[in-house]
């Protein structure tokens, strides 16, 4: 299984969402972690770890967490899921 894509630093990416998207997609594909849970209040540990990875390259943790929630909502919307 190939490693997850790296997350570019804030100076190299337009937004946290754009920076995290490739790694988010890899994580969902490789792990089968609940995307619905990531969109809600209790983010799965795998996504918390992803937010910490983003923080380690310069993103604020809160921005990374919100980007992950946004990506989860987008993925759920693309799958036709209803969420609040």
C-alpha atoms as a PDB file:
ATOM      1  CA  UNK A   1       0.000   0.000   0.000  1.00  0.00           C
ATOM      2  CA  UNK A   2       1.549   3.373  -0.983  1.00  0.00           C
ATOM      3  CA  UNK A   3       2.064   6.030   1.719  1.00  0.00           C
ATOM      4  CA  UNK A   4      -0.399   8.898   2.089  1.00  0.00           C
ATOM      5  CA  UNK A   5       0.393  12.044   0.152  1.00  0.00           C
ATOM      6  CA  UNK A   6       2.237  14.767   2.017  1.00  0.00           C
ATOM      7  CA  UNK A   7       0.530  17.935   3.190  1.00  0.00           C
ATOM      8  CA  UNK A   8       2.037  21.170   1.860  1.00  0.00           C
ATOM      9  CA  UNK A   9       2.826  24.029   4.238  1.00  0.00           C
ATOM     10  CA  UNK A  10       0.569  27.108   4.332  1.00  0.00           C
ATOM     11  CA  UNK A  11       2.991  29.082   2.141  1.00  0.00           C
ATOM     12  CA  UNK A  12       2.671  26.413  -0.580  1.00  0.00           C
ATOM     13  CA  UNK A  13      -1.111  25.948  -0.594  1.00  0.00           C
ATOM     14  CA  UNK A  14      -4.064  28.252  -1.049  1.00  0.00           C
ATOM     15  CA  UNK A  15      -6.109  26.850   1.806  1.00  0.00           C
ATOM     16  CA  UNK A  16      -6.051  24.166   4.469  1.00  0.00           C
ATOM     17  CA  UNK A  17      -8.819  22.343   2.615  1.00  0.00           C
ATOM     18  CA  UNK A  18      -6.808  22.238  -0.615  1.00  0.00           C
ATOM     19  CA  UNK A  19      -3.661  21.205   1.249  1.00  0.00           C
ATOM     20  CA  UNK A  20      -5.319  18.385   3.196  1.00  0.00           C
ATOM     21  CA  UNK A  21      -7.620  17.039   0.439  1.00  0.00           C
ATOM     22  CA  UNK A  22      -5.139  14.543  -1.143  1.00  0.00           C
ATOM     23  CA  UNK A  23      -4.202  13.053   2.235  1.00  0.00           C
ATOM     24  CA  UNK A  24      -7.856  13.000   3.310  1.00  0.00           C
ATOM     25  CA  UNK A  25      -8.802  11.098   0.153  1.00  0.00           C
ATOM     26  CA  UNK A  26      -5.932   8.647   0.676  1.00  0.00           C
ATOM     27  CA  UNK A  27      -6.943   8.082   4.300  1.00  0.00           C
ATOM     28  CA  UNK A  28     -10.568   7.398   3.396  1.00  0.00           C
ATOM     29  CA  UNK A  29      -9.560   5.018   0.601  1.00  0.00           C
ATOM     30  CA  UNK A  30      -6.929   3.140   2.609  1.00  0.00           C
ATOM     31  CA  UNK A  31      -8.544   2.935   6.032  1.00  0.00           C
ATOM     32  CA  UNK A  32     -12.300   2.769   5.590  1.00  0.00           C
ATOM     33  CA  UNK A  33     -12.664   5.203   8.515  1.00  0.00           C
ATOM     34  CA  UNK A  34     -16.126   6.737   8.956  1.00  0.00           C
ATOM     35  CA  UNK A  35     -16.450   9.901   6.900  1.00  0.00           C
ATOM     36  CA  UNK A  36     -19.822  10.583   8.522  1.00  0.00           C
ATOM     37  CA  UNK A  37     -18.183  10.643  11.938  1.00  0.00           C
ATOM     38  CA  UNK A  38     -15.577  13.118  10.680  1.00  0.00           C
ATOM     39  CA  UNK A  39     -18.352  15.488   9.642  1.00  0.00           C
ATOM     40  CA  UNK A  40     -19.844  15.358  13.142  1.00  0.00           C
ATOM     41  CA  UNK A  41     -18.754  16.387  16.613  1.00  0.00           C
ATOM     42  CA  UNK A  42     -16.651  13.310  17.427  1.00  0.00           C
ATOM     43  CA  UNK A  43     -13.879  13.102  14.860  1.00  0.00           C
ATOM     44  CA  UNK A  44     -12.326   9.619  14.544  1.00  0.00           C
ATOM     45  CA  UNK A  45      -8.738   9.275  15.766  1.00  0.00           C
ATOM     46  CA  UNK A  46      -7.443   8.754  12.221  1.00  0.00           C
ATOM     47  CA  UNK A  47      -8.703  12.212  11.235  1.00  0.00           C
ATOM     48  CA  UNK A  48      -7.374  13.752  14.465  1.00  0.00           C
ATOM     49  CA  UNK A  49      -3.976  12.341  13.494  1.00  0.00           C
ATOM     50  CA  UNK A  50      -4.371  13.890  10.029  1.00  0.00           C
ATOM     51  CA  UNK A  51      -5.077  17.276  11.625  1.00  0.00           C
ATOM     52  CA  UNK A  52      -1.913  16.865  13.715  1.00  0.00           C
ATOM     53  CA  UNK A  53       0.065  16.016  10.550  1.00  0.00           C
ATOM     54  CA  UNK A  54      -1.179  19.266   9.021  1.00  0.00           C
ATOM     55  CA  UNK A  55      -0.247  21.128  12.205  1.00  0.00           C
ATOM     56  CA  UNK A  56       3.259  19.692  12.033  1.00  0.00           C
ATOM     57  CA  UNK A  57       3.862  21.456   8.692  1.00  0.00           C
ATOM     58  CA  UNK A  58       2.515  24.807   9.883  1.00  0.00           C
ATOM     59  CA  UNK A  59      -1.283  24.717   9.676  1.00  0.00           C
ATOM     60  CA  UNK A  60      -3.235  25.753  12.759  1.00  0.00           C
ATOM     61  CA  UNK A  61      -4.852  22.649  14.286  1.00  0.00           C
ATOM     62  CA  UNK A  62      -8.275  24.339  14.305  1.00  0.00           C
ATOM     63  CA  UNK A  63      -8.004  25.187  10.599  1.00  0.00           C
ATOM     64  CA  UNK A  64      -6.961  21.625   9.772  1.00  0.00           C
ATOM     65  CA  UNK A  65      -9.831  20.193  11.805  1.00  0.00           C
ATOM     66  CA  UNK A  66     -12.350  22.459  10.074  1.00  0.00           C
ATOM     67  CA  UNK A  67     -10.896  21.546   6.667  1.00  0.00           C
ATOM     68  CA  UNK A  68     -11.310  17.845   7.468  1.00  0.00           C
ATOM     69  CA  UNK A  69     -14.933  18.407   8.526  1.00  0.00           C
ATOM     70  CA  UNK A  70     -15.545  20.352   5.292  1.00  0.00           C
ATOM     71  CA  UNK A  71     -13.994  17.585   3.184  1.00  0.00           C
ATOM     72  CA  UNK A  72     -16.116  14.999   4.998  1.00  0.00           C
ATOM     73  CA  UNK A  73     -19.287  17.028   4.358  1.00  0.00           C
ATOM     74  CA  UNK A  74     -18.349  17.378   0.674  1.00  0.00           C
ATOM     75  CA  UNK A  75     -17.749  13.632   0.352  1.00  0.00           C
ATOM     76  CA  UNK A  76     -21.035  12.820   2.077  1.00  0.00           C
ATOM     77  CA  UNK A  77     -22.870  15.305  -0.136  1.00  0.00           C
ATOM     78  CA  UNK A  78     -21.353  13.709  -3.228  1.00  0.00           C
ATOM     79  CA  UNK A  79     -22.613  10.353  -1.973  1.00  0.00           C
ATOM     80  CA  UNK A  80     -26.114  11.759  -1.473  1.00  0.00           C
ATOM     81  CA  UNK A  81     -26.059  11.645   2.327  1.00  0.00           C
ATOM     82  CA  UNK A  82     -28.134  14.077   4.360  1.00  0.00           C
ATOM     83  CA  UNK A  83     -26.433  15.741   7.311  1.00  0.00           C
ATOM     84  CA  UNK A  84     -26.797  18.777   9.559  1.00  0.00           C
END
